[in-house]
Amino acid sequence: MHQAQINGISPRPFVKWAGGKRQLLDILNAKIPAAFARYHEPFVGGGALLFSRLPAKATVSDVNPELINCYLVIRDDVHALIRSLQTHKNEEEYFYNTRAKDLSKMTPVQRASRFIYLNKTCFNGLYRENKSGQFNAPFGRYVRPKIVDKENLLAISDYLNKADVQIDCVGYQSVLERAKEGDFVYFDPPYAPMTKTANFASYVKGGFNLDDQAELAQVFTELTKRGVRAMLSNSNTPIILELYRDYSIQVVHAMRAINCKGGSRGKEANEVLVTNYQV
């Protein structure tokens, strides 16, 4: 398994994220070009692929402001974040009081600490927002959730400081302004639903619908025309197969540990890996 290290430590995602890629890293890394100028990940999420490779030059982004705030705080003030995380309690009343806090009255460190705490202690580890942009997953009732992962946070902070990593809260379309010929882009968007009732794209208010999927495919095509190598993960559905019919498509299988319905966790999910280049 490809796993880069920094100071002898292999960083891993600091939050659980629906659709996370840790179990597919071998497949993903085997598909990535052997060399490229800059790494781009516009739906960075938990950053599993980013942390497995630790590219020297990278631009990562997401539209979720609380997630991006976490990345920035880990880079800029990780020791304060760790101290704050150590104050949290794995108790139901405390969880809901923390969930209800007004973000506008919190510092970036407090917001990042709250974000990680809620992620580690909420039901199914599912980050979910309602239409008002408020986190709304319930308490998870875990016995010993690892709220403070000090070693991992320090390793991630070291990487973000030592490498040339740009972190922004912007939409995926911004990759058209940044990616240049010779760069590599990995897209891991909210997946197209396998069934009418299976859609989950509530990482941020507004979600990600089929029109968004079609627009993303247009961005993929534009990058191809510019000589930017791109890889995309999505669900193995007719709409995705049609949108990317002109590209190389590989079906892969993943066991999903996070699902909004507890009974669906762990079941095999058909996915596709799309590339605009030959491996």
C-alpha atoms as a PDB file:
ATOM      1  CA  MET A   1       0.000   0.000   0.000  1.00  0.00           C
ATOM      2  CA  HIS A   2       1.304   3.446  -0.932  1.00  0.00           C
ATOM      3  CA  GLN A   3       1.550   5.529   2.226  1.00  0.00           C
ATOM      4  CA  ALA A   4       3.880   8.494   2.481  1.00  0.00           C
ATOM      5  CA  GLN A   5       5.262   9.562   5.855  1.00  0.00           C
ATOM      6  CA  ILE A   6       6.302  12.761   7.536  1.00  0.00           C
ATOM      7  CA  ASN A   7       8.628  12.567  10.532  1.00  0.00           C
ATOM      8  CA  GLY A   8       8.129   8.793  10.537  1.00  0.00           C
ATOM      9  CA  ILE A   9       4.331   9.086  10.822  1.00  0.00           C
ATOM     10  CA  SER A  10       1.731   8.216   8.171  1.00  0.00           C
ATOM     11  CA  PRO A  11      -1.011  10.861   8.385  1.00  0.00           C
ATOM     12  CA  ARG A  12      -4.632   9.839   7.938  1.00  0.00           C
ATOM     13  CA  PRO A  13      -7.953  11.720   7.769  1.00  0.00           C
ATOM     14  CA  PHE A  14      -8.668  13.700  10.944  1.00  0.00           C
ATOM     15  CA  VAL A  15     -12.429  13.308  10.470  1.00  0.00           C
ATOM     16  CA  LYS A  16     -14.732  10.542   9.275  1.00  0.00           C
ATOM     17  CA  TRP A  17     -16.322  11.523   5.975  1.00  0.00           C
ATOM     18  CA  ALA A  18     -19.062   9.875   3.943  1.00  0.00           C
ATOM     19  CA  GLY A  19     -17.502   8.394   0.825  1.00  0.00           C
ATOM     20  CA  GLY A  20     -14.018   8.440   2.340  1.00  0.00           C
ATOM     21  CA  LYS A  21     -11.362   6.674   0.275  1.00  0.00           C
ATOM     22  CA  ARG A  22      -9.053   4.968   2.786  1.00  0.00           C
ATOM     23  CA  GLN A  23      -9.971   1.440   1.704  1.00  0.00           C
ATOM     24  CA  LEU A  24      -9.494   2.260  -1.990  1.00  0.00           C
ATOM     25  CA  LEU A  25      -6.086   3.888  -1.675  1.00  0.00           C
ATOM     26  CA  ASP A  26      -4.227   1.007  -3.338  1.00  0.00           C
ATOM     27  CA  ILE A  27      -6.468   1.237  -6.406  1.00  0.00           C
ATOM     28  CA  LEU A  28      -6.391   5.024  -6.524  1.00  0.00           C
ATOM     29  CA  ASN A  29      -2.637   5.265  -6.129  1.00  0.00           C
ATOM     30  CA  ALA A  30      -2.107   2.678  -8.867  1.00  0.00           C
ATOM     31  CA  LYS A  31      -4.098   4.897 -11.238  1.00  0.00           C
ATOM     32  CA  ILE A  32      -2.362   8.194 -10.478  1.00  0.00           C
ATOM     33  CA  PRO A  33       0.228   9.356 -13.039  1.00  0.00           C
ATOM     34  CA  ALA A  34       3.812   8.590 -12.056  1.00  0.00           C
ATOM     35  CA  ALA A  35       4.707  12.279 -12.224  1.00  0.00           C
ATOM     36  CA  PHE A  36       2.796  15.551 -12.304  1.00  0.00           C
ATOM     37  CA  ALA A  37       3.491  19.197 -11.529  1.00  0.00           C
ATOM     38  CA  ARG A  38       0.800  19.975  -8.959  1.00  0.00           C
ATOM     39  CA  TYR A  39      -1.898  17.942  -7.188  1.00  0.00           C
ATOM     40  CA  HIS A  40      -5.446  19.359  -7.034  1.00  0.00           C
ATOM     41  CA  GLU A  41      -8.347  17.981  -5.002  1.00  0.00           C
ATOM     42  CA  PRO A  42     -11.486  20.170  -5.220  1.00  0.00           C
ATOM     43  CA  PHE A  43     -13.658  17.921  -2.993  1.00  0.00           C
ATOM     44  CA  VAL A  44     -10.982  17.261  -0.385  1.00  0.00           C
ATOM     45  CA  GLY A  45     -13.263  15.939   2.391  1.00  0.00           C
ATOM     46  CA  GLY A  46     -11.214  13.912   4.855  1.00  0.00           C
ATOM     47  CA  GLY A  47      -8.191  13.993   2.553  1.00  0.00           C
ATOM     48  CA  ALA A  48      -7.409  10.260   2.505  1.00  0.00           C
ATOM     49  CA  LEU A  49      -5.657  10.342  -0.876  1.00  0.00           C
ATOM     50  CA  LEU A  50      -3.890  13.621  -0.101  1.00  0.00           C
ATOM     51  CA  PHE A  51      -2.460  12.239   3.143  1.00  0.00           C
ATOM     52  CA  SER A  52      -1.473   8.941   1.564  1.00  0.00           C
ATOM     53  CA  ARG A  53       0.713  10.756  -0.972  1.00  0.00           C
ATOM     54  CA  LEU A  54       1.744  14.016   0.741  1.00  0.00           C
ATOM     55  CA  PRO A  55       2.442  15.787  -2.573  1.00  0.00           C
ATOM     56  CA  ALA A  56       5.057  18.536  -2.440  1.00  0.00           C
ATOM     57  CA  LYS A  57       2.753  20.927  -4.309  1.00  0.00           C
ATOM     58  CA  ALA A  58      -1.006  20.774  -3.812  1.00  0.00           C
ATOM     59  CA  THR A  59      -4.170  22.852  -3.971  1.00  0.00           C
ATOM     60  CA  VAL A  60      -7.086  21.472  -1.959  1.00  0.00           C
ATOM     61  CA  SER A  61     -10.533  22.933  -1.481  1.00  0.00           C
ATOM     62  CA  ASP A  62     -14.099  22.245  -0.441  1.00  0.00           C
ATOM     63  CA  VAL A  63     -17.308  24.261  -0.181  1.00  0.00           C
ATOM     64  CA  ASN A  64     -17.829  23.283   3.456  1.00  0.00           C
ATOM     65  CA  PRO A  65     -16.498  26.265   5.459  1.00  0.00           C
ATOM     66  CA  GLU A  66     -16.223  24.344   8.738  1.00  0.00           C
ATOM     67  CA  LEU A  67     -14.144  21.609   7.117  1.00  0.00           C
ATOM     68  CA  ILE A  68     -11.795  24.110   5.477  1.00  0.00           C
ATOM     69  CA  ASN A  69     -11.517  26.025   8.742  1.00  0.00           C
ATOM     70  CA  CYS A  70     -10.312  22.774  10.317  1.00  0.00           C
ATOM     71  CA  TYR A  71      -7.540  22.378   7.750  1.00  0.00           C
ATOM     72  CA  LEU A  72      -6.432  25.966   8.307  1.00  0.00           C
ATOM     73  CA  VAL A  73      -6.452  25.677  12.102  1.00  0.00           C
ATOM     74  CA  ILE A  74      -4.513  22.392  11.981  1.00  0.00           C
ATOM     75  CA  ARG A  75      -1.926  24.149   9.832  1.00  0.00           C
ATOM     76  CA  ASP A  76      -1.751  27.408  11.777  1.00  0.00           C
ATOM     77  CA  ASP A  77      -2.662  26.658  15.415  1.00  0.00           C
ATOM     78  CA  VAL A  78      -2.599  22.902  15.989  1.00  0.00           C
ATOM     79  CA  HIS A  79      -1.443  23.060  19.637  1.00  0.00           C
ATOM     80  CA  ALA A  80      -4.354  25.313  20.613  1.00  0.00           C
ATOM     81  CA  LEU A  81      -6.687  22.942  18.775  1.00  0.00           C
ATOM     82  CA  ILE A  82      -5.350  19.930  20.678  1.00  0.00           C
ATOM     83  CA  ARG A  83      -5.783  21.733  24.005  1.00  0.00           C
ATOM     84  CA  SER A  84      -9.374  22.579  23.095  1.00  0.00           C
ATOM     85  CA  LEU A  85     -10.172  19.018  21.993  1.00  0.00           C
ATOM     86  CA  GLN A  86      -8.960  17.735  25.368  1.00  0.00           C
ATOM     87  CA  THR A  87     -11.759  19.661  27.121  1.00  0.00           C
ATOM     88  CA  HIS A  88     -14.673  17.905  25.384  1.00  0.00           C
ATOM     89  CA  LYS A  89     -16.927  15.321  27.042  1.00  0.00           C
ATOM     90  CA  ASN A  90     -18.495  12.238  25.477  1.00  0.00           C
ATOM     91  CA  GLU A  91     -21.875  12.959  27.046  1.00  0.00           C
ATOM     92  CA  GLU A  92     -25.236  13.376  25.348  1.00  0.00           C
ATOM     93  CA  GLU A  93     -26.297  16.656  26.958  1.00  0.00           C
ATOM     94  CA  TYR A  94     -22.855  18.157  26.346  1.00  0.00           C
ATOM     95  CA  PHE A  95     -23.010  16.974  22.713  1.00  0.00           C
ATOM     96  CA  TYR A  96     -26.297  18.728  22.001  1.00  0.00           C
ATOM     97  CA  ASN A  97     -25.212  21.889  23.808  1.00  0.00           C
ATOM     98  CA  THR A  98     -22.055  21.951  21.698  1.00  0.00           C
ATOM     99  CA  ARG A  99     -23.994  21.241  18.507  1.00  0.00           C
ATOM    100  CA  ALA A 100     -26.330  24.172  19.247  1.00  0.00           C
ATOM    101  CA  LYS A 101     -23.568  26.767  19.723  1.00  0.00           C
ATOM    102  CA  ASP A 102     -23.573  29.892  17.582  1.00  0.00           C
ATOM    103  CA  LEU A 103     -20.615  29.601  15.226  1.00  0.00           C
ATOM    104  CA  SER A 104     -20.530  33.361  14.667  1.00  0.00           C
ATOM    105  CA  LYS A 105     -19.491  33.818  18.296  1.00  0.00           C
ATOM    106  CA  MET A 106     -16.674  31.257  18.198  1.00  0.00           C
ATOM    107  CA  THR A 107     -12.998  31.615  17.279  1.00  0.00           C
ATOM    108  CA  PRO A 108     -11.552  29.554  14.404  1.00  0.00           C
ATOM    109  CA  VAL A 109      -9.918  27.203  16.954  1.00  0.00           C
ATOM    110  CA  GLN A 110     -13.208  26.743  18.830  1.00  0.00           C
ATOM    111  CA  ARG A 111     -15.045  26.060  15.574  1.00  0.00           C
ATOM    112  CA  ALA A 112     -12.463  23.483  14.471  1.00  0.00           C
ATOM    113  CA  SER A 113     -12.539  21.811  17.882  1.00  0.00           C
ATOM    114  CA  ARG A 114     -16.342  21.643  17.806  1.00  0.00           C
ATOM    115  CA  PHE A 115     -16.295  20.261  14.256  1.00  0.00           C
ATOM    116  CA  ILE A 116     -13.897  17.430  15.082  1.00  0.00           C
ATOM    117  CA  TYR A 117     -15.639  16.653  18.387  1.00  0.00           C
ATOM    118  CA  LEU A 118     -19.082  16.401  16.753  1.00  0.00           C
ATOM    119  CA  ASN A 119     -17.670  14.284  13.926  1.00  0.00           C
ATOM    120  CA  LYS A 120     -16.068  11.825  16.348  1.00  0.00           C
ATOM    121  CA  THR A 121     -19.105  11.488  18.614  1.00  0.00           C
ATOM    122  CA  CYS A 122     -22.129  11.817  16.308  1.00  0.00           C
ATOM    123  CA  PHE A 123     -24.244   8.903  15.042  1.00  0.00           C
ATOM    124  CA  ASN A 124     -22.435   6.837  12.365  1.00  0.00           C
ATOM    125  CA  GLY A 125     -19.707   9.479  12.088  1.00  0.00           C
ATOM    126  CA  LEU A 126     -21.911  11.144   9.487  1.00  0.00           C
ATOM    127  CA  TYR A 127     -21.317  14.829   8.805  1.00  0.00           C
ATOM    128  CA  ARG A 128     -24.665  16.203   7.717  1.00  0.00           C
ATOM    129  CA  GLU A 129     -26.202  19.664   7.439  1.00  0.00           C
ATOM    130  CA  ASN A 130     -29.812  20.769   7.104  1.00  0.00           C
ATOM    131  CA  LYS A 131     -31.004  23.338   4.552  1.00  0.00           C
ATOM    132  CA  SER A 132     -30.028  26.145   6.923  1.00  0.00           C
ATOM    133  CA  GLY A 133     -26.449  24.927   7.011  1.00  0.00           C
ATOM    134  CA  GLN A 134     -26.672  23.630  10.586  1.00  0.00           C
ATOM    135  CA  PHE A 135     -25.053  20.362  11.656  1.00  0.00           C
ATOM    136  CA  ASN A 136     -27.913  18.011  12.536  1.00  0.00           C
ATOM    137  CA  ALA A 137     -26.587  14.467  13.108  1.00  0.00           C
ATOM    138  CA  PRO A 138     -27.607  13.014  16.520  1.00  0.00           C
ATOM    139  CA  PHE A 139     -25.438  11.790  19.394  1.00  0.00           C
ATOM    140  CA  GLY A 140     -23.643   8.521  18.620  1.00  0.00           C
ATOM    141  CA  ARG A 141     -23.364   6.836  22.047  1.00  0.00           C
ATOM    142  CA  TYR A 142     -19.822   5.546  21.485  1.00  0.00           C
ATOM    143  CA  VAL A 143     -17.997   4.159  24.515  1.00  0.00           C
ATOM    144  CA  ARG A 144     -14.520   5.583  23.838  1.00  0.00           C
ATOM    145  CA  PRO A 145     -14.429   7.774  20.721  1.00  0.00           C
ATOM    146  CA  LYS A 146     -10.949   9.065  19.890  1.00  0.00           C
ATOM    147  CA  ILE A 147     -11.661  12.773  20.136  1.00  0.00           C
ATOM    148  CA  VAL A 148      -7.996  13.760  20.549  1.00  0.00           C
ATOM    149  CA  ASP A 149      -5.668  12.167  17.969  1.00  0.00           C
ATOM    150  CA  LYS A 150      -2.638  14.255  18.872  1.00  0.00           C
ATOM    151  CA  GLU A 151       0.031  12.401  16.905  1.00  0.00           C
ATOM    152  CA  ASN A 152      -1.999  12.477  13.707  1.00  0.00           C
ATOM    153  CA  LEU A 153      -2.915  16.161  14.023  1.00  0.00           C
ATOM    154  CA  LEU A 154       0.732  17.095  14.572  1.00  0.00           C
ATOM    155  CA  ALA A 155       1.801  15.068  11.528  1.00  0.00           C
ATOM    156  CA  ILE A 156      -0.839  16.718   9.339  1.00  0.00           C
ATOM    157  CA  SER A 157       0.190  20.145  10.622  1.00  0.00           C
ATOM    158  CA  ASP A 158       3.835  19.416   9.804  1.00  0.00           C
ATOM    159  CA  TYR A 159       2.927  18.409   6.267  1.00  0.00           C
ATOM    160  CA  LEU A 160       0.682  21.427   5.639  1.00  0.00           C
ATOM    161  CA  ASN A 161       3.466  23.731   6.830  1.00  0.00           C
ATOM    162  CA  LYS A 162       6.430  22.082   5.121  1.00  0.00           C
ATOM    163  CA  ALA A 163       4.828  21.482   1.715  1.00  0.00           C
ATOM    164  CA  ASP A 164       3.401  24.015  -0.725  1.00  0.00           C
ATOM    165  CA  VAL A 165      -0.277  23.401   0.053  1.00  0.00           C
ATOM    166  CA  GLN A 166      -2.946  25.958  -0.820  1.00  0.00           C
ATOM    167  CA  ILE A 167      -6.218  25.538   1.115  1.00  0.00           C
ATOM    168  CA  ASP A 168      -9.398  27.341   0.021  1.00  0.00           C
ATOM    169  CA  CYS A 169     -13.130  27.314   0.642  1.00  0.00           C
ATOM    170  CA  VAL A 170     -14.338  27.449  -2.959  1.00  0.00           C
ATOM    171  CA  GLY A 171     -16.363  25.351  -5.377  1.00  0.00           C
ATOM    172  CA  TYR A 172     -14.827  22.715  -7.619  1.00  0.00           C
ATOM    173  CA  GLN A 173     -15.199  25.001 -10.636  1.00  0.00           C
ATOM    174  CA  SER A 174     -12.212  26.993  -9.372  1.00  0.00           C
ATOM    175  CA  VAL A 175      -9.973  24.176 -10.606  1.00  0.00           C
ATOM    176  CA  LEU A 176     -10.419  25.618 -14.106  1.00  0.00           C
ATOM    177  CA  GLU A 177      -8.613  28.775 -12.966  1.00  0.00           C
ATOM    178  CA  ARG A 178      -5.804  26.893 -11.218  1.00  0.00           C
ATOM    179  CA  ALA A 179      -4.952  23.610 -12.911  1.00  0.00           C
ATOM    180  CA  LYS A 180      -2.389  23.842 -15.695  1.00  0.00           C
ATOM    181  CA  GLU A 181      -1.080  21.435 -18.296  1.00  0.00           C
ATOM    182  CA  GLY A 182       0.963  18.762 -16.550  1.00  0.00           C
ATOM    183  CA  ASP A 183      -1.048  18.986 -13.304  1.00  0.00           C
ATOM    184  CA  PHE A 184      -3.193  16.215 -11.831  1.00  0.00           C
ATOM    185  CA  VAL A 185      -6.745  16.620 -10.495  1.00  0.00           C
ATOM    186  CA  TYR A 186      -8.671  14.129  -8.373  1.00  0.00           C
ATOM    187  CA  PHE A 187     -12.437  14.622  -8.119  1.00  0.00           C
ATOM    188  CA  ASP A 188     -14.334  12.860  -5.335  1.00  0.00           C
ATOM    189  CA  PRO A 189     -17.754  14.570  -5.451  1.00  0.00           C
ATOM    190  CA  PRO A 190     -20.928  13.581  -3.632  1.00  0.00           C
ATOM    191  CA  TYR A 191     -21.981  10.469  -5.544  1.00  0.00           C
ATOM    192  CA  ALA A 192     -24.936  10.214  -7.880  1.00  0.00           C
ATOM    193  CA  PRO A 193     -27.642   8.190  -6.064  1.00  0.00           C
ATOM    194  CA  MET A 194     -27.780   4.448  -6.726  1.00  0.00           C
ATOM    195  CA  THR A 195     -31.560   4.548  -6.141  1.00  0.00           C
ATOM    196  CA  LYS A 196     -34.174   7.287  -5.760  1.00  0.00           C
ATOM    197  CA  THR A 197     -34.124   6.858  -1.980  1.00  0.00           C
ATOM    198  CA  ALA A 198     -30.372   6.469  -1.513  1.00  0.00           C
ATOM    199  CA  ASN A 199     -29.251  10.008  -2.253  1.00  0.00           C
ATOM    200  CA  PHE A 200     -26.978  11.561   0.336  1.00  0.00           C
ATOM    201  CA  ALA A 201     -25.305  14.822  -0.602  1.00  0.00           C
ATOM    202  CA  SER A 202     -25.944  16.911   2.498  1.00  0.00           C
ATOM    203  CA  TYR A 203     -22.324  17.680   3.339  1.00  0.00           C
ATOM    204  CA  VAL A 204     -23.368  21.312   2.994  1.00  0.00           C
ATOM    205  CA  LYS A 205     -26.719  23.039   2.553  1.00  0.00           C
ATOM    206  CA  GLY A 206     -27.966  22.761  -1.016  1.00  0.00           C
ATOM    207  CA  GLY A 207     -26.575  19.299  -1.682  1.00  0.00           C
ATOM    208  CA  PHE A 208     -25.300  18.094  -5.063  1.00  0.00           C
ATOM    209  CA  ASN A 209     -27.884  17.127  -7.684  1.00  0.00           C
ATOM    210  CA  LEU A 210     -27.793  15.600 -11.171  1.00  0.00           C
ATOM    211  CA  ASP A 211     -27.423  19.008 -12.814  1.00  0.00           C
ATOM    212  CA  ASP A 212     -24.311  19.465 -10.689  1.00  0.00           C
ATOM    213  CA  GLN A 213     -23.048  16.072 -11.870  1.00  0.00           C
ATOM    214  CA  ALA A 214     -23.512  17.134 -15.498  1.00  0.00           C
ATOM    215  CA  GLU A 215     -21.685  20.428 -14.874  1.00  0.00           C
ATOM    216  CA  LEU A 216     -18.835  18.554 -13.211  1.00  0.00           C
ATOM    217  CA  ALA A 217     -18.530  16.319 -16.289  1.00  0.00           C
ATOM    218  CA  GLN A 218     -18.181  19.466 -18.421  1.00  0.00           C
ATOM    219  CA  VAL A 219     -15.356  20.682 -16.180  1.00  0.00           C
ATOM    220  CA  PHE A 220     -13.705  17.252 -16.539  1.00  0.00           C
ATOM    221  CA  THR A 221     -13.889  17.603 -20.330  1.00  0.00           C
ATOM    222  CA  GLU A 222     -12.494  21.135 -20.281  1.00  0.00           C
ATOM    223  CA  LEU A 223      -9.518  19.997 -18.203  1.00  0.00           C
ATOM    224  CA  THR A 224      -8.925  17.194 -20.702  1.00  0.00           C
ATOM    225  CA  LYS A 225      -8.792  19.703 -23.566  1.00  0.00           C
ATOM    226  CA  ARG A 226      -6.181  21.702 -21.634  1.00  0.00           C
ATOM    227  CA  GLY A 227      -3.860  18.754 -21.096  1.00  0.00           C
ATOM    228  CA  VAL A 228      -4.647  18.361 -17.394  1.00  0.00           C
ATOM    229  CA  ARG A 229      -4.807  14.747 -16.255  1.00  0.00           C
ATOM    230  CA  ALA A 230      -7.905  14.045 -14.177  1.00  0.00           C
ATOM    231  CA  MET A 231      -9.358  11.142 -12.216  1.00  0.00           C
ATOM    232  CA  LEU A 232     -12.870  10.952 -10.769  1.00  0.00           C
ATOM    233  CA  SER A 233     -14.692   8.639  -8.379  1.00  0.00           C
ATOM    234  CA  ASN A 234     -18.470   8.221  -8.521  1.00  0.00           C
ATOM    235  CA  SER A 235     -21.237   5.650  -8.326  1.00  0.00           C
ATOM    236  CA  ASN A 236     -21.715   2.993 -10.989  1.00  0.00           C
ATOM    237  CA  THR A 237     -24.979   4.339 -12.348  1.00  0.00           C
ATOM    238  CA  PRO A 238     -26.324   4.873 -15.906  1.00  0.00           C
ATOM    239  CA  ILE A 239     -26.119   8.668 -15.619  1.00  0.00           C
ATOM    240  CA  ILE A 240     -22.426   8.582 -14.643  1.00  0.00           C
ATOM    241  CA  LEU A 241     -21.567   5.990 -17.285  1.00  0.00           C
ATOM    242  CA  GLU A 242     -23.244   8.194 -19.895  1.00  0.00           C
ATOM    243  CA  LEU A 243     -21.610  11.428 -18.724  1.00  0.00           C
ATOM    244  CA  TYR A 244     -18.128   9.885 -18.910  1.00  0.00           C
ATOM    245  CA  ARG A 245     -18.627   7.498 -21.826  1.00  0.00           C
ATOM    246  CA  ASP A 246     -15.664   9.009 -23.727  1.00  0.00           C
ATOM    247  CA  TYR A 247     -13.188   8.193 -20.946  1.00  0.00           C
ATOM    248  CA  SER A 248     -11.569   5.174 -19.339  1.00  0.00           C
ATOM    249  CA  ILE A 249     -13.941   3.701 -16.723  1.00  0.00           C
ATOM    250  CA  GLN A 250     -13.047   1.012 -14.172  1.00  0.00           C
ATOM    251  CA  VAL A 251     -15.637  -0.518 -11.830  1.00  0.00           C
ATOM    252  CA  VAL A 252     -14.403  -0.858  -8.245  1.00  0.00           C
ATOM    253  CA  HIS A 253     -16.001  -2.190  -5.095  1.00  0.00           C
ATOM    254  CA  ALA A 254     -15.950  -0.590  -1.670  1.00  0.00           C
ATOM    255  CA  MET A 255     -17.393  -1.445   1.722  1.00  0.00           C
ATOM    256  CA  ARG A 256     -19.014   1.632   3.178  1.00  0.00           C
ATOM    257  CA  ALA A 257     -18.618   2.116   6.945  1.00  0.00           C
ATOM    258  CA  ILE A 258     -20.573   5.380   7.013  1.00  0.00           C
ATOM    259  CA  ASN A 259     -24.184   5.494   5.923  1.00  0.00           C
ATOM    260  CA  CYS A 260     -27.165   7.546   7.013  1.00  0.00           C
ATOM    261  CA  LYS A 261     -29.051   4.276   7.545  1.00  0.00           C
ATOM    262  CA  GLY A 262     -27.346   2.045  10.061  1.00  0.00           C
ATOM    263  CA  GLY A 263     -28.519  -1.153   8.381  1.00  0.00           C
ATOM    264  CA  SER A 264     -26.788  -0.178   5.138  1.00  0.00           C
ATOM    265  CA  ARG A 265     -23.329   0.203   6.619  1.00  0.00           C
ATOM    266  CA  GLY A 266     -20.738  -2.281   5.419  1.00  0.00           C
ATOM    267  CA  LYS A 267     -22.624  -3.408   2.313  1.00  0.00           C
ATOM    268  CA  GLU A 268     -20.665  -3.479  -0.925  1.00  0.00           C
ATOM    269  CA  ALA A 269     -21.151  -0.419  -3.094  1.00  0.00           C
ATOM    270  CA  ASN A 270     -20.422  -0.367  -6.813  1.00  0.00           C
ATOM    271  CA  GLU A 271     -18.273   2.570  -7.786  1.00  0.00           C
ATOM    272  CA  VAL A 272     -16.449   3.707 -10.888  1.00  0.00           C
ATOM    273  CA  LEU A 273     -13.064   5.285 -11.371  1.00  0.00           C
ATOM    274  CA  VAL A 274     -12.852   7.545 -14.432  1.00  0.00           C
ATOM    275  CA  THR A 275      -9.591   8.767 -15.954  1.00  0.00           C
ATOM    276  CA  ASN A 276      -8.871  10.943 -18.981  1.00  0.00           C
ATOM    277  CA  TYR A 277      -5.511   9.240 -19.536  1.00  0.00           C
ATOM    278  CA  GLN A 278      -4.201   5.713 -19.914  1.00  0.00           C
ATOM    279  CA  VAL A 279      -2.379   4.255 -16.923  1.00  0.00           C
END
